[in-house]
Amino acid sequence: MPVGTSHTGMLNGMPQIAIRISDDELDLLDRVVAEGKFKSRAAAVRAGLDALARETRNQAIAASYRDAYEKKPPDDWFARANSEMLDRRLSGEPGIEVEKP
């Protein structure tokens, strides 16, 4: 049995899959590996999957916020505070002081 393999056929505890990709996708994969952006094709593919997972989580979080705000819109003071904070951040002013009614 090769070093690092288990009885289940996994290498280093990770299952192996086979995929079909286009010549252009393979060229891109090989190019980013050759440029040193990733150690291997597998590392590049895993990074892509990580990015996809992160984007999926971010979309789910954004949808949750959207749903929550549709059910209960923010109070006026909250909207004013956010607006003022954004204005100050854009103008370079530190901090924010907004009284809650």
Protein backbone atom coordinates (compact mmCIF):
# COMPACT_ATOMS: atom_id res chain seq x y z
CA MET A 1 0.00 0.00 0.00
CA PRO A 2 1.44 3.44 -0.94
CA VAL A 3 2.55 5.75 1.85
CA GLY A 4 -0.28 7.98 3.07
CA THR A 5 -3.11 5.82 1.71
CA SER A 6 -5.72 4.18 3.83
CA HIS A 7 -7.71 1.01 3.38
CA THR A 8 -10.58 3.10 1.97
CA GLY A 9 -8.47 4.30 -0.96
CA MET A 10 -8.11 7.83 0.36
CA LEU A 11 -4.80 9.64 0.25
CA ASN A 12 -3.99 11.52 3.47
CA GLY A 13 -7.58 11.09 4.60
CA MET A 14 -9.09 12.88 1.59
CA PRO A 15 -11.16 11.17 -1.09
CA GLN A 16 -9.98 11.45 -4.67
CA ILE A 17 -12.28 12.40 -7.54
CA ALA A 18 -11.92 12.56 -11.32
CA ILE A 19 -13.35 15.42 -13.36
CA ARG A 20 -13.47 16.38 -17.02
CA ILE A 21 -12.41 19.92 -17.94
CA SER A 22 -11.88 21.74 -21.21
CA ASP A 23 -8.45 22.29 -22.76
CA ASP A 24 -8.72 25.99 -21.89
CA GLU A 25 -9.47 25.17 -18.25
CA LEU A 26 -6.53 22.76 -18.14
CA ASP A 27 -4.25 25.40 -19.69
CA LEU A 28 -5.35 27.89 -17.04
CA LEU A 29 -4.81 25.35 -14.28
CA ASP A 30 -1.33 24.52 -15.53
CA ARG A 31 -0.48 28.20 -15.99
CA VAL A 32 -1.36 29.18 -12.40
CA VAL A 33 0.66 26.24 -11.10
CA ALA A 34 3.63 27.14 -13.35
CA GLU A 35 3.44 30.76 -12.14
CA GLY A 36 3.77 29.49 -8.58
CA LYS A 37 0.33 30.66 -7.47
CA PHE A 38 -0.44 27.10 -6.34
CA LYS A 39 1.76 24.11 -5.52
CA SER A 40 -0.30 21.73 -7.65
CA ARG A 41 -3.39 21.37 -9.81
CA ALA A 42 -5.17 19.86 -6.83
CA ALA A 43 -4.27 22.85 -4.64
CA ALA A 44 -5.64 25.22 -7.29
CA VAL A 45 -8.88 23.26 -7.55
CA ARG A 46 -9.24 23.17 -3.75
CA ALA A 47 -8.70 26.95 -3.64
CA GLY A 48 -11.46 27.36 -6.20
CA LEU A 49 -13.79 25.18 -4.13
CA ASP A 50 -12.90 27.19 -1.01
CA ALA A 51 -13.78 30.41 -2.87
CA LEU A 52 -17.07 28.89 -4.02
CA ALA A 53 -17.90 27.80 -0.47
CA ARG A 54 -17.04 31.26 0.91
CA GLU A 55 -19.20 32.97 -1.75
CA THR A 56 -22.08 30.59 -1.03
CA ARG A 57 -21.86 31.34 2.71
CA ASN A 58 -21.70 35.11 2.04
CA GLN A 59 -24.78 34.91 -0.17
CA ALA A 60 -26.65 32.95 2.52
CA ILE A 61 -25.70 35.54 5.16
CA ALA A 62 -26.77 38.41 2.88
CA ALA A 63 -30.10 36.66 2.21
CA SER A 64 -30.63 36.21 5.96
CA TYR A 65 -30.04 39.91 6.59
CA ARG A 66 -32.30 40.84 3.68
CA ASP A 67 -35.07 38.59 5.01
CA ALA A 68 -34.68 39.94 8.54
CA TYR A 69 -34.84 43.58 7.39
CA GLU A 70 -37.89 42.84 5.24
CA LYS A 71 -39.65 41.38 8.31
CA LYS A 72 -38.59 44.21 10.62
CA PRO A 73 -37.09 47.27 8.93
CA PRO A 74 -34.48 49.14 10.98
CA ASP A 75 -35.67 51.97 13.22
CA ASP A 76 -35.15 55.52 11.99
CA TRP A 77 -32.37 56.15 14.52
CA PHE A 78 -30.51 53.07 13.26
CA ALA A 79 -30.78 54.24 9.65
CA ARG A 80 -29.60 57.74 10.64
CA ALA A 81 -26.68 56.31 12.62
CA ASN A 82 -25.57 54.16 9.70
CA SER A 83 -25.92 57.03 7.25
CA GLU A 84 -23.94 59.39 9.48
CA MET A 85 -21.27 56.76 10.13
CA LEU A 86 -20.86 56.19 6.40
CA ASP A 87 -20.66 59.94 5.73
CA ARG A 88 -17.98 60.32 8.42
CA ARG A 89 -16.01 57.31 7.20
CA LEU A 90 -16.02 58.68 3.67
CA SER A 91 -14.93 62.12 4.86
CA GLY A 92 -12.21 60.66 7.09
CA GLU A 93 -13.75 61.77 10.39
CA PRO A 94 -13.32 59.34 13.31
CA GLY A 95 -16.13 58.03 15.50
CA ILE A 96 -19.83 58.62 15.64
CA GLU A 97 -22.22 59.91 18.30
CA VAL A 98 -25.91 59.40 17.59
CA GLU A 99 -28.52 59.59 20.32
CA LYS A 100 -31.06 56.82 20.46
CA PRO A 101 -34.58 58.27 20.93
